[in-house]
Protein backbone atom coordinates (compact mmCIF):
# COMPACT_ATOMS: atom_id res chain seq x y z
CA UNK A 1 0.17 0.14 -0.03
CA UNK A 2 2.79 2.56 0.84
CA UNK A 3 4.89 1.48 -1.97
CA UNK A 4 1.81 1.91 -4.43
CA UNK A 5 1.21 5.47 -3.04
CA UNK A 6 4.95 6.29 -3.37
CA UNK A 7 4.94 5.21 -6.89
CA UNK A 8 1.92 7.23 -7.77
CA UNK A 9 3.45 10.44 -6.07
CA UNK A 10 6.59 9.93 -8.23
CA UNK A 11 4.27 9.88 -11.37
CA UNK A 12 2.50 12.99 -10.13
CA UNK A 13 5.50 14.80 -9.51
CA UNK A 14 6.78 13.87 -13.11
CA UNK A 15 3.49 15.08 -14.58
CA UNK A 16 3.96 18.47 -12.60
CA UNK A 17 7.55 18.93 -13.56
CA UNK A 18 6.40 18.29 -17.20
CA UNK A 19 3.80 20.71 -16.78
CA UNK A 20 6.21 23.24 -15.26
CA UNK A 21 8.75 22.89 -18.15
CA UNK A 22 6.16 23.28 -20.60
CA UNK A 23 4.96 26.32 -19.00
CA UNK A 24 8.46 27.71 -19.28
CA UNK A 25 8.69 26.82 -23.18
CA UNK A 26 11.53 24.33 -23.11
CA UNK A 27 12.56 23.29 -26.57
CA UNK A 28 13.41 20.14 -27.97
CA UNK A 29 17.02 19.27 -29.19
CA UNK A 30 16.19 20.42 -32.78
CA UNK A 31 14.88 23.94 -31.67
CA UNK A 32 16.30 26.84 -30.05
CA UNK A 33 14.40 29.34 -27.95
CA UNK A 34 14.32 32.89 -29.04
CA UNK A 35 12.44 35.36 -27.13
CA UNK A 36 10.26 32.66 -25.48
CA UNK A 37 9.43 30.93 -28.69
CA UNK A 38 11.00 27.68 -30.27
CA UNK A 39 12.01 27.66 -33.64
CA UNK A 40 13.43 24.53 -35.35
CA UNK A 41 17.07 24.90 -36.43
CA UNK A 42 16.52 23.12 -39.71
CA UNK A 43 13.16 23.94 -40.75
CA UNK A 44 12.99 27.80 -39.88
CA UNK A 45 13.25 29.78 -43.17
CA UNK A 46 11.79 32.99 -42.45
CA UNK A 47 11.58 34.71 -38.99
CA UNK A 48 9.43 38.01 -38.81
CA UNK A 49 9.12 39.31 -35.55
CA UNK A 50 8.63 43.09 -36.60
CA UNK A 51 6.80 45.32 -34.28
CA UNK A 52 6.36 42.76 -31.44
CA UNK A 53 7.34 44.81 -28.57
CA UNK A 54 10.75 42.81 -28.33
CA UNK A 55 13.60 44.00 -25.88
CA UNK A 56 16.79 43.00 -24.71
CA UNK A 57 19.54 42.08 -27.19
CA UNK A 58 19.88 39.63 -30.20
CA UNK A 59 20.58 36.46 -28.95
CA UNK A 60 23.67 34.80 -30.37
CA UNK A 61 21.80 31.45 -30.53
CA UNK A 62 19.97 33.02 -33.74
CA UNK A 63 22.78 31.94 -35.72
CA UNK A 64 21.79 28.23 -35.12
CA UNK A 65 18.93 28.77 -37.56
CA UNK A 66 21.02 27.48 -40.35
CA UNK A 67 18.42 27.60 -43.21
CA UNK A 68 17.02 31.11 -42.19
CA UNK A 69 16.72 33.10 -45.16
CA UNK A 70 14.66 36.15 -44.15
CA UNK A 71 14.97 38.01 -40.69
CA UNK A 72 13.16 40.74 -39.60
CA UNK A 73 13.23 42.34 -36.35
CA UNK A 74 12.19 45.89 -37.30
CA UNK A 75 10.19 48.26 -35.27
CA UNK A 76 11.08 46.82 -31.87
CA UNK A 77 13.19 47.97 -28.76
CA UNK A 78 16.16 45.77 -29.14
CA UNK A 79 19.35 47.04 -27.65
CA UNK A 80 22.98 46.07 -27.59
CA UNK A 81 25.12 45.03 -30.45
CA UNK A 82 24.90 42.70 -33.52
CA UNK A 83 26.36 39.21 -32.31
CA UNK A 84 29.35 38.24 -34.40
CA UNK A 85 27.85 34.94 -34.77
CA UNK A 86 25.39 36.36 -37.25
CA UNK A 87 28.03 35.58 -39.92
CA UNK A 88 27.30 32.08 -39.56
CA UNK A 89 23.89 32.52 -41.21
CA UNK A 90 25.07 31.99 -44.68
CA UNK A 91 21.80 31.28 -46.30
CA UNK A 92 20.26 34.72 -45.40
CA UNK A 93 19.01 36.51 -48.24
CA UNK A 94 17.34 39.65 -46.32
CA UNK A 95 17.92 41.03 -42.79
CA UNK A 96 16.01 43.84 -41.29
CA UNK A 97 16.96 45.31 -38.05
CA UNK A 98 15.76 48.85 -38.60
CA UNK A 99 14.03 50.78 -35.84
CA UNK A 100 15.56 49.68 -32.88
CA UNK A 101 18.09 50.78 -30.40
CA UNK A 102 21.02 48.88 -31.57
CA UNK A 103 24.35 50.34 -31.30
CA UNK A 104 28.07 49.39 -31.78
CA UNK A 105 29.62 48.65 -35.24
CA UNK A 106 28.74 46.41 -38.20
CA UNK A 107 30.39 43.08 -37.54
CA UNK A 108 33.07 42.34 -39.93
CA UNK A 109 31.46 38.67 -40.19
CA UNK A 110 28.62 40.40 -42.12
CA UNK A 111 31.21 39.75 -45.16
CA UNK A 112 30.72 36.30 -45.00
CA UNK A 113 27.00 36.51 -45.89
CA UNK A 114 27.39 36.49 -49.48
CA UNK A 115 23.76 35.48 -50.40
CA UNK A 116 22.60 38.56 -48.98
CA UNK A 117 20.38 40.64 -51.27
CA UNK A 118 18.90 43.27 -48.74
CA UNK A 119 20.45 44.73 -45.56
CA UNK A 120 18.37 47.26 -43.52
CA UNK A 121 20.21 48.78 -40.51
CA UNK A 122 18.55 52.17 -40.74
CA UNK A 123 17.13 54.15 -37.74
CA UNK A 124 19.45 52.70 -34.94
CA UNK A 125 22.46 53.99 -33.01
CA UNK A 126 25.17 52.26 -35.08
CA UNK A 127 28.56 53.73 -35.08
CA UNK A 128 31.90 53.29 -36.41
CA UNK A 129 33.17 52.68 -39.99
CA UNK A 130 31.25 50.87 -42.60
CA UNK A 131 33.52 47.48 -43.11
CA UNK A 132 35.32 46.95 -46.37
CA UNK A 133 33.69 43.39 -46.21
CA UNK A 134 30.46 44.68 -47.23
CA UNK A 135 31.90 44.91 -50.69
CA UNK A 136 32.00 41.26 -50.87
CA UNK A 137 28.30 41.00 -50.79
CA UNK A 138 28.01 41.01 -54.72
CA UNK A 139 24.42 40.05 -54.69
CA UNK A 140 23.28 42.99 -52.71
CA UNK A 141 20.41 44.93 -54.15
CA UNK A 142 19.39 47.19 -51.26
CA UNK A 143 21.64 48.70 -48.51
CA UNK A 144 20.03 51.09 -45.95
CA UNK A 145 22.28 52.45 -43.34
CA UNK A 146 20.48 55.88 -42.65
CA UNK A 147 19.95 57.57 -39.80
CA UNK A 148 22.74 56.29 -37.50
CA UNK A 149 26.05 57.56 -36.36
CA UNK A 150 28.27 55.78 -38.86
CA UNK A 151 31.53 57.79 -39.58
CA UNK A 152 34.61 57.30 -41.92
CA UNK A 153 34.40 56.88 -45.72
CA UNK A 154 32.37 54.82 -48.15
CA UNK A 155 34.57 51.93 -48.74
CA UNK A 156 36.25 51.55 -52.19
CA UNK A 157 34.96 47.93 -52.21
CA UNK A 158 31.49 49.17 -52.88
CA UNK A 159 32.51 49.65 -56.55
CA UNK A 160 32.09 45.77 -56.67
CA UNK A 161 28.42 45.87 -55.85
CA UNK A 162 27.21 45.55 -59.64
CA UNK A 163 23.54 44.59 -58.63
CA UNK A 164 23.10 47.47 -55.94
CA UNK A 165 19.95 49.30 -56.84
CA UNK A 166 19.50 51.45 -53.70
CA UNK A 167 22.12 52.80 -51.31
CA UNK A 168 20.78 54.83 -48.39
CA UNK A 169 23.26 56.43 -46.19
CA UNK A 170 21.98 59.77 -45.40
CA UNK A 171 21.95 61.35 -41.92
CA UNK A 172 25.05 59.76 -40.47
CA UNK A 173 28.53 61.33 -39.99
CA UNK A 174 30.27 59.84 -42.92
CA UNK A 175 32.97 61.92 -44.26
CA UNK A 176 35.66 61.73 -47.09
CA UNK A 177 34.78 61.71 -50.94
CA UNK A 178 32.55 59.55 -52.92
CA UNK A 179 34.66 56.71 -54.40
CA UNK A 180 35.81 57.26 -58.06
CA UNK A 181 34.82 53.81 -58.92
CA UNK A 182 31.29 54.45 -57.86
CA UNK A 183 30.26 53.79 -61.59
CA UNK A 184 30.91 50.08 -60.80
CA UNK A 185 27.30 50.17 -59.06
CA UNK A 186 26.04 49.97 -62.85
CA UNK A 187 22.62 49.33 -61.53
CA UNK A 188 22.35 52.01 -59.05
CA UNK A 189 19.08 54.18 -59.34
CA UNK A 190 18.52 55.28 -55.93
CA UNK A 191 21.24 57.12 -54.02
CA UNK A 192 20.72 59.12 -50.74
CA UNK A 193 23.93 60.71 -49.00
CA UNK A 194 22.46 63.96 -47.77
CA UNK A 195 23.08 65.31 -44.18
CA UNK A 196 26.64 63.87 -43.79
CA UNK A 197 30.28 65.43 -43.60
CA UNK A 198 31.28 64.32 -46.99
CA UNK A 199 33.93 66.74 -48.95
CA UNK A 200 36.11 67.01 -51.60
CA UNK A 201 35.36 66.56 -55.35
CA UNK A 202 32.35 64.51 -56.76
CA UNK A 203 34.05 62.17 -59.37
CA UNK A 204 32.99 62.41 -62.87
CA UNK A 205 32.23 58.91 -62.89
CA UNK A 206 29.15 59.75 -61.11
CA UNK A 207 27.65 60.57 -64.40
CA UNK A 208 27.73 56.89 -65.77
CA UNK A 209 25.16 55.85 -63.21
CA UNK A 210 21.45 55.37 -64.45
CA UNK A 211 19.99 57.49 -61.72
CA UNK A 212 17.34 60.14 -62.45
CA UNK A 213 19.38 62.98 -61.12
CA UNK A 214 16.51 65.42 -61.25
CA UNK A 215 14.24 63.61 -58.80
CA UNK A 216 14.78 64.16 -55.19
CA UNK A 217 13.30 60.70 -54.43
CA UNK A 218 16.07 59.15 -56.40
CA UNK A 219 19.17 61.37 -55.75
CA UNK A 220 19.93 63.49 -52.94
CA UNK A 221 23.39 64.40 -52.02
CA UNK A 222 22.44 67.84 -50.20
CA UNK A 223 23.97 69.48 -47.00
CA UNK A 224 27.40 68.27 -47.23
CA UNK A 225 30.58 69.98 -47.77
CA UNK A 226 31.31 68.72 -51.63
CA UNK A 227 33.47 71.12 -53.44
CA UNK A 228 33.12 72.68 -56.78
CA UNK A 229 33.84 72.23 -59.62
CA UNK A 230 30.70 69.78 -59.95
CA UNK A 231 30.24 67.32 -62.78
CA UNK A 232 27.81 68.89 -65.17
CA UNK A 233 25.30 66.05 -64.56
CA UNK A 234 24.93 66.80 -60.91
CA UNK A 235 25.43 70.53 -60.81
CA UNK A 236 21.73 71.56 -61.26
CA UNK A 237 20.88 68.98 -58.26
CA UNK A 238 23.80 69.44 -56.04
CA UNK A 239 21.43 71.27 -53.30
CA UNK A 240 23.18 73.13 -50.21
CA UNK A 241 26.87 72.43 -49.93
CA UNK A 242 29.01 74.04 -47.21
CA UNK A 243 31.97 75.00 -49.27
CA UNK A 244 33.49 77.66 -47.33
CA UNK A 245 36.68 75.54 -46.61
CA UNK A 246 36.83 74.29 -50.33
CA UNK A 247 39.91 75.41 -52.45
CA UNK A 248 38.98 78.34 -54.69
CA UNK A 249 35.71 79.23 -52.84
CA UNK A 250 35.53 83.00 -52.02
CA UNK A 251 33.01 84.81 -49.99
CA UNK A 252 31.64 87.85 -51.30
CA UNK A 253 28.76 89.64 -49.81
CA UNK A 254 27.72 87.04 -47.42
CA UNK A 255 27.57 84.61 -50.31
CA UNK A 256 29.96 81.78 -51.37
CA UNK A 257 31.12 81.30 -54.92
CA UNK A 258 33.55 78.84 -56.68
CA UNK A 259 35.70 81.72 -58.10
CA UNK A 260 36.91 79.80 -61.14
CA UNK A 261 33.32 79.13 -62.54
CA UNK A 262 32.09 82.63 -62.16
CA UNK A 263 32.36 84.72 -65.47
CA UNK A 264 29.82 87.56 -64.76
CA UNK A 265 28.76 89.48 -61.80
CA UNK A 266 25.89 91.87 -61.86
CA UNK A 267 25.35 93.52 -58.50
CA UNK A 268 23.78 96.76 -60.08
CA UNK A 269 21.16 98.61 -57.71
CA UNK A 270 21.54 95.79 -55.32
CA UNK A 271 21.86 97.80 -52.18
CA UNK A 272 25.31 96.82 -51.31
CA UNK A 273 27.42 98.93 -48.92
CA UNK A 274 30.59 98.92 -47.43
CA UNK A 275 34.01 98.62 -49.10
CA UNK A 276 34.54 96.24 -52.18
CA UNK A 277 36.27 93.20 -50.64
CA UNK A 278 39.81 92.62 -51.81
CA UNK A 279 39.04 88.85 -52.48
CA UNK A 280 37.16 90.23 -55.59
CA UNK A 281 40.59 89.69 -57.19
CA UNK A 282 40.05 86.05 -57.00
CA UNK A 283 37.65 85.92 -59.50
CA UNK A 284 40.25 85.77 -62.37
CA UNK A 285 37.65 84.50 -65.02
CA UNK A 286 35.28 87.23 -64.63
CA UNK A 287 34.31 88.94 -67.98
CA UNK A 288 31.86 91.43 -66.56
CA UNK A 289 31.64 93.21 -63.17
CA UNK A 290 28.82 95.53 -62.45
CA UNK A 291 28.73 97.16 -59.11
CA UNK A 292 26.98 100.35 -60.03
CA UNK A 293 24.23 102.03 -58.35
CA UNK A 294 24.94 101.10 -54.85
CA UNK A 295 26.60 102.62 -51.53
CA UNK A 296 29.96 101.22 -51.82
CA UNK A 297 32.78 103.51 -50.37
CA UNK A 298 36.48 103.35 -49.83
CA UNK A 299 38.98 102.79 -52.24
CA UNK A 300 38.91 100.51 -55.47
CA UNK A 301 40.99 97.38 -54.28
CA UNK A 302 44.34 96.95 -56.11
CA UNK A 303 43.24 93.15 -56.38
CA UNK A 304 40.94 94.26 -59.36
CA UNK A 305 43.93 94.36 -61.58
CA UNK A 306 44.23 90.46 -60.99
CA UNK A 307 41.07 89.88 -63.09
CA UNK A 308 42.92 89.94 -66.29
CA UNK A 309 40.08 88.17 -68.27
CA UNK A 310 37.77 91.37 -67.41
CA UNK A 311 36.20 93.17 -70.46
CA UNK A 312 33.57 95.32 -68.75
CA UNK A 313 33.98 97.04 -65.35
CA UNK A 314 31.25 99.48 -63.95
CA UNK A 315 31.91 100.97 -60.48
CA UNK A 316 29.70 104.08 -61.32
CA UNK A 317 27.26 105.66 -59.02
CA UNK A 318 29.01 104.74 -55.74
CA UNK A 319 30.73 106.73 -53.12
CA UNK A 320 34.07 105.23 -54.07
CA UNK A 321 37.05 107.42 -53.08
CA UNK A 322 40.78 107.51 -53.16
CA UNK A 323 43.07 106.88 -56.22
CA UNK A 324 42.21 104.86 -59.21
CA UNK A 325 44.75 101.98 -58.53
CA UNK A 326 47.46 101.76 -61.20
CA UNK A 327 46.91 98.03 -61.23
CA UNK A 328 43.90 98.60 -63.50
CA UNK A 329 46.53 98.85 -66.10
CA UNK A 330 46.91 95.14 -66.03
CA UNK A 331 43.51 94.52 -67.18
CA UNK A 332 44.55 93.79 -70.83
CA UNK A 333 41.26 92.64 -72.19
CA UNK A 334 39.33 95.67 -70.78
CA UNK A 335 36.84 97.27 -73.32
CA UNK A 336 34.85 99.31 -70.92
CA UNK A 337 35.72 101.21 -67.85
CA UNK A 338 33.05 103.19 -65.98
CA UNK A 339 33.88 104.88 -62.73
CA UNK A 340 31.93 108.09 -63.10
CA UNK A 341 29.82 109.73 -60.47
CA UNK A 342 32.16 108.69 -57.43
CA UNK A 343 34.53 110.55 -55.15
CA UNK A 344 37.76 109.48 -56.70
CA UNK A 345 40.75 111.66 -56.15
CA UNK A 346 44.55 111.98 -57.28
CA UNK A 347 45.88 111.59 -60.65
CA UNK A 348 44.68 109.41 -63.60
CA UNK A 349 47.02 106.58 -63.61
CA UNK A 350 49.35 106.59 -66.73
CA UNK A 351 48.89 102.80 -66.64
CA UNK A 352 45.39 103.03 -68.11
CA UNK A 353 47.23 103.70 -71.29
CA UNK A 354 48.16 100.14 -71.41
CA UNK A 355 44.56 99.06 -71.84
CA UNK A 356 44.98 98.23 -75.64
CA UNK A 357 41.62 96.99 -76.07
CA UNK A 358 39.79 100.15 -74.14
CA UNK A 359 36.81 101.45 -76.22
CA UNK A 360 34.94 103.28 -73.54
CA UNK A 361 36.52 105.38 -70.80
CA UNK A 362 34.34 107.32 -68.29
CA UNK A 363 35.92 109.22 -65.33
CA UNK A 364 33.05 111.73 -65.22
CA UNK A 365 32.24 113.70 -62.13
CA UNK A 366 35.02 112.73 -59.63
CA UNK A 367 37.70 114.77 -57.79
CA UNK A 368 40.68 113.73 -59.94
CA UNK A 369 43.57 116.25 -60.40
CA UNK A 370 46.62 116.62 -62.23
CA UNK A 371 47.41 116.49 -65.89
CA UNK A 372 45.83 114.18 -68.42
CA UNK A 373 48.35 111.48 -69.01
CA UNK A 374 49.79 111.52 -72.60
CA UNK A 375 49.63 107.79 -72.52
CA UNK A 376 46.00 107.72 -73.21
CA UNK A 377 47.02 108.55 -76.65
CA UNK A 378 48.04 104.89 -76.89
CA UNK A 379 44.32 103.84 -76.88
CA UNK A 380 44.07 103.42 -80.54
CA UNK A 381 40.60 101.68 -80.30
CA UNK A 382 39.03 104.31 -77.92
CA UNK A 383 35.53 105.35 -79.10
CA UNK A 384 34.33 107.61 -76.15
CA UNK A 385 36.40 109.47 -73.60
CA UNK A 386 34.66 111.32 -70.88
CA UNK A 387 36.80 113.17 -68.27
CA UNK A 388 34.68 115.97 -67.74
CA UNK A 389 33.66 117.67 -64.13
CA UNK A 390 36.85 116.89 -62.40
CA UNK A 391 39.86 119.14 -61.37
CA UNK A 392 42.31 118.22 -64.01
CA UNK A 393 44.99 120.69 -64.94
CA UNK A 394 47.83 121.04 -67.31
CA UNK A 395 47.61 121.20 -71.18
CA UNK A 396 45.59 118.78 -73.32
CA UNK A 397 48.28 116.09 -74.42
CA UNK A 398 48.73 116.25 -78.55
CA UNK A 399 48.53 112.41 -78.14
CA UNK A 400 44.73 112.62 -77.43
CA UNK A 401 44.12 114.32 -80.46
CA UNK A 402 45.74 111.64 -82.71
CA UNK A 403 42.84 109.24 -81.43
CA UNK A 404 41.28 108.75 -85.10
CA UNK A 405 38.47 106.48 -83.74
CA UNK A 406 37.38 108.92 -81.02
CA UNK A 407 33.86 109.90 -81.41
CA UNK A 408 33.23 111.67 -78.32
CA UNK A 409 35.67 113.79 -76.40
CA UNK A 410 34.33 115.34 -73.25
CA UNK A 411 36.99 117.24 -71.18
CA UNK A 412 34.93 120.25 -70.25
CA UNK A 413 34.73 121.83 -66.78
CA UNK A 414 38.37 121.08 -65.57
CA UNK A 415 41.19 123.59 -65.16
CA UNK A 416 42.90 122.74 -68.34
CA UNK A 417 45.30 125.48 -69.70
CA UNK A 418 47.44 125.90 -72.89
CA UNK A 419 46.40 125.92 -76.38
CA UNK A 420 44.32 123.45 -78.53
CA UNK A 421 46.87 121.29 -80.36
CA UNK A 422 47.41 121.95 -84.02
CA UNK A 423 46.79 118.15 -84.66
CA UNK A 424 43.22 118.36 -83.79
CA UNK A 425 42.38 117.57 -87.26
CA UNK A 426 43.55 113.84 -86.65
CA UNK A 427 40.22 113.36 -84.68
CA UNK A 428 38.74 111.94 -87.88
CA UNK A 429 35.75 110.25 -86.35
CA UNK A 430 34.75 112.99 -83.81
CA UNK A 431 31.02 113.71 -83.34
CA UNK A 432 30.96 115.37 -79.94
CA UNK A 433 33.90 117.65 -78.97
CA UNK A 434 33.21 119.61 -75.58
CA UNK A 435 36.06 121.53 -74.15
CA UNK A 436 34.07 124.46 -72.34
CA UNK A 437 34.61 125.71 -68.85
CA UNK A 438 38.63 125.40 -68.76
CA UNK A 439 41.37 127.96 -68.99
CA UNK A 440 42.45 127.02 -72.61
CA UNK A 441 44.06 130.00 -74.28
CA UNK A 442 45.71 131.16 -77.35
CA UNK A 443 44.75 130.90 -81.12
CA UNK A 444 42.48 127.89 -82.35
CA UNK A 445 44.38 126.09 -85.03
CA UNK A 446 42.67 126.42 -88.51
CA UNK A 447 42.90 122.37 -88.70
CA UNK A 448 39.96 122.39 -86.53
CA UNK A 449 37.74 123.23 -89.55
CA UNK A 450 38.51 119.81 -91.07
CA UNK A 451 36.51 118.16 -88.47
CA UNK A 452 32.77 117.15 -89.36
CA UNK A 453 30.98 118.80 -86.54
CA UNK A 454 27.68 120.35 -86.00
CA UNK A 455 29.27 123.57 -85.08
CA UNK A 456 25.95 125.18 -84.03
CA UNK A 457 24.83 122.25 -81.66
CA UNK A 458 26.25 123.15 -78.38
CA UNK A 459 25.65 119.41 -77.11
CA UNK A 460 28.01 118.28 -79.85
CA UNK A 461 30.54 121.15 -79.96
CA UNK A 462 31.46 123.62 -77.22
CA UNK A 463 34.46 125.57 -76.49
CA UNK A 464 32.99 128.33 -74.48
CA UNK A 465 33.93 129.75 -71.23
CA UNK A 466 37.74 129.55 -71.98
CA UNK A 467 40.40 132.14 -72.93
CA UNK A 468 40.66 131.53 -76.49
CA UNK A 469 41.95 134.33 -78.71
CA UNK A 470 40.70 135.70 -81.99
CA UNK A 471 41.09 135.49 -84.99
CA UNK A 472 38.86 132.29 -84.88
CA UNK A 473 38.86 129.84 -87.69
CA UNK A 474 35.98 130.47 -90.06
CA UNK A 475 34.07 127.33 -89.29
CA UNK A 476 33.24 128.31 -85.57
CA UNK A 477 32.91 132.13 -85.95
CA UNK A 478 29.78 132.92 -83.87
CA UNK A 479 30.10 129.44 -82.25
CA UNK A 480 33.17 130.11 -79.91
CA UNK A 481 30.74 131.20 -76.98
CA UNK A 482 31.91 133.67 -74.42
CA UNK A 483 35.91 133.87 -74.17
CA UNK A 484 37.98 135.87 -71.67
CA UNK A 485 40.19 137.55 -74.10
CA UNK A 486 41.73 139.94 -71.72
CA UNK A 487 45.09 138.16 -72.00
CA UNK A 488 45.14 138.16 -75.69
CA UNK A 489 46.39 141.68 -76.08
CA UNK A 490 46.43 142.84 -79.85
CA UNK A 491 45.40 139.48 -80.93
CA UNK A 492 41.89 140.33 -80.31
CA UNK A 493 41.88 143.07 -83.03
CA UNK A 494 42.62 140.66 -85.97
CA UNK A 495 39.54 139.61 -87.74
CA UNK A 496 38.95 136.57 -89.53
CA UNK A 497 36.78 136.77 -92.61
CA UNK A 498 37.80 134.06 -94.93
CA UNK A 499 40.36 131.44 -96.27
CA UNK A 500 43.21 133.49 -97.88
CA UNK A 501 43.13 133.36 -101.50
CA UNK A 502 45.65 136.39 -102.61
CA UNK A 503 48.83 134.85 -100.94
CA UNK A 504 50.09 131.45 -99.90
CA UNK A 505 53.00 130.89 -97.31
CA UNK A 506 55.52 128.54 -99.12
CA UNK A 507 57.75 127.38 -96.13
CA UNK A 508 59.31 128.20 -92.97
CA UNK A 509 62.44 126.57 -91.66
CA UNK A 510 64.75 127.15 -88.61
CA UNK A 511 68.50 127.80 -89.00
CA UNK A 512 70.26 125.20 -87.00
CA UNK A 513 73.32 127.42 -86.93
CA UNK A 514 71.98 130.91 -86.30
CA UNK A 515 69.07 131.71 -83.96
CA UNK A 516 66.43 132.82 -86.51
CA UNK A 517 63.77 131.36 -88.69
CA UNK A 518 63.15 132.23 -92.33
CA UNK A 519 59.70 132.37 -93.83
CA UNK A 520 58.97 132.49 -97.68
CA UNK A 521 55.54 133.58 -98.96
CA UNK A 522 53.99 134.58 -102.46
CA UNK A 523 51.62 137.36 -103.18
CA UNK A 524 49.36 137.32 -106.39
CA UNK A 525 49.05 141.18 -106.28
CA UNK A 526 50.48 144.01 -104.69
CA UNK A 527 48.67 144.68 -101.30
CA UNK A 528 48.87 145.81 -97.83
CA UNK A 529 50.49 142.88 -95.74
CA UNK A 530 50.81 142.40 -91.91
CA UNK A 531 52.83 139.66 -90.42
CA UNK A 532 53.15 139.10 -86.74
CA UNK A 533 54.59 136.49 -84.42
CA UNK A 534 52.56 135.12 -81.55
CA UNK A 535 53.51 132.81 -78.71
CA UNK A 536 51.78 129.44 -77.80
CA UNK A 537 49.43 131.49 -75.48
CA UNK A 538 48.36 133.67 -78.31
CA UNK A 539 50.25 136.75 -77.11
CA UNK A 540 51.79 139.10 -79.71
CA UNK A 541 55.55 138.78 -79.65
CA UNK A 542 56.65 140.93 -82.63
CA UNK A 543 55.33 142.50 -85.73
CA UNK A 544 57.71 141.81 -88.79
CA UNK A 545 55.86 143.46 -91.68
CA UNK A 546 53.24 146.13 -91.67
CA UNK A 547 52.80 147.80 -95.14
CA UNK A 548 52.52 147.56 -98.75
CA UNK A 549 54.28 144.63 -100.60
CA UNK A 550 54.66 143.86 -104.37
CA UNK A 551 53.45 140.71 -105.97
CA UNK A 552 55.53 137.55 -106.28
CA UNK A 553 57.78 135.95 -103.72
CA UNK A 554 58.91 137.70 -100.62
CA UNK A 555 60.92 136.40 -97.73
CA UNK A 556 61.37 137.60 -94.29
CA UNK A 557 63.44 136.62 -91.26
CA UNK A 558 62.59 136.44 -87.71
CA UNK A 559 65.71 136.98 -85.63
CA UNK A 560 63.97 135.40 -82.49
CA UNK A 561 63.24 138.80 -80.70
CA UNK A 562 60.25 140.60 -79.49
CA UNK A 563 59.15 144.30 -80.32
CA UNK A 564 61.47 145.50 -77.62
CA UNK A 565 64.40 143.73 -79.04
CA UNK A 566 64.58 141.17 -76.37
CA UNK A 567 65.72 137.54 -77.18
CA UNK A 568 62.94 135.04 -76.82
CA UNK A 569 63.30 131.43 -75.78
CA UNK A 570 63.22 128.48 -78.07
CA UNK A 571 59.82 126.74 -78.82
CA UNK A 572 56.99 126.62 -80.84
CA UNK A 573 55.51 129.98 -82.15
CA UNK A 574 52.91 131.03 -84.65
CA UNK A 575 53.19 133.33 -87.79
CA UNK A 576 49.97 135.05 -88.76
CA UNK A 577 50.05 136.72 -92.18
CA UNK A 578 47.09 138.99 -93.03
CA UNK A 579 46.19 140.87 -96.21
CA UNK A 580 43.00 142.84 -96.98
CA UNK A 581 41.15 141.18 -94.22
CA UNK A 582 42.30 137.76 -95.15
CA UNK A 583 44.83 135.73 -93.08
CA UNK A 584 46.70 132.51 -92.82
CA UNK A 585 48.66 131.13 -89.65
CA UNK A 586 51.32 128.63 -89.54
CA UNK A 587 53.28 127.14 -86.71
CA UNK A 588 57.01 127.87 -86.37
CA UNK A 589 59.91 126.05 -84.49
CA UNK A 590 62.48 128.47 -83.00
CA UNK A 591 65.63 126.76 -82.45
CA UNK A 592 68.57 128.43 -80.49
């Protein structure tokens, strides 16, 4: 009786133990327990525990699912690291561990999973570098590593992923450059690298990919530090890049530019203020620079002279001051220079005469002083020259009047002195000549009448408010305007009524051995003749003849003295011969 009771109790205890073991999920020898569930190690082909509220870490025992092909643990709260043993699951085709709290780095053992087609590790806390061994997974079609803390570079081995269609690595801390062999991903049609720390040059090989680059749902590399120049295929879709540290990138008025690519700046009427930054000189490929109509002040930076490709420079209508930098003479391709309506001072740099291509020069309405540089006469292509309303002094260089292509010459409203050069007739193309409001003096050369000007149009011809002396050339009589003739002495009593027809001056020549000048002239009939010598300022020096002379050839010698018998200095003088209210003037060179 007692023995039977003991035997029954033993059976009961066994049953209870079995029930207890069953309640704790004990698995048989061909199974493993994962998160409280038993799975066959040989017949489990798919394990989908997504969004199941799982916690803890991934058990290393999961690697015993030898034939597992699909593993999905996404959308849980799993923590810790991926066990190294996962590299033993060589049958895996797809693994999705996204949207968890996993950390650490990707195990190198991932490189053994050569059958993998899909890897999704997105939205975790993974860090460290992407293993080079991932490049061994040549069957990979999708690789999602986005929204983690990965660092380092994209491995060069990724160029071996010839079947990769989607690579998503945005929102990490990746850096370095895109591998040059990215074109090895010949089936890549989705690339997301935005919001990282990439830098350097994007390889041209990216243009070999089949990605639809203009679709942000297919391609996005924005918010990095990729440097220009960009490949043509991606430049329109580059999005924002932090390029301030890139070679050749220049900041200008709070914007960043890759200087080498910029050929035109039009900042006219843009409400710019402050000084012109000296780093404007880095834009060496600029063809056109327009900063007109702003509130810029200070000096023109000398670095402007570094932009040797510049053809058009407009700094007008600002408040620029100081001197025009001589470095502007380095702009060998410059065609137009507009500096008018500023507060520029100092001399006009002679280096402007080196601008062989210059066609338009406008320095109007500044505070420029000093002489007009004779070097401006080198500008053979110059069409328009505006130097008016400054404080220029000295005489007008003869070289200016040799500019045969000049159509407009405005040098009015300055403090210019001296005479109008005899070679004014060389201004063959002149249409507008404005010399008014200066201190020009002396006789106006007869050669001015060869010019094709609208003498009665003061917008096109104006010499008024000077100190020019009569007799005036026939073509401008009545158009000379108001002249201060107080220093002209007897010159003002000579009237000019016509071109001489009764006499002709044959020649005048200096004697190199004796200080005198001999003049020969021919009269067609006996007539009253007056011959006078004037200096370059139009003042009478000496009367040589004043009386009747017979027809034929006559000769007169000037001994280089004035009416008081005093010797005059060597230089240029004018001989004025008049008869019966007709006259002719020639230039003499007196040599001592």
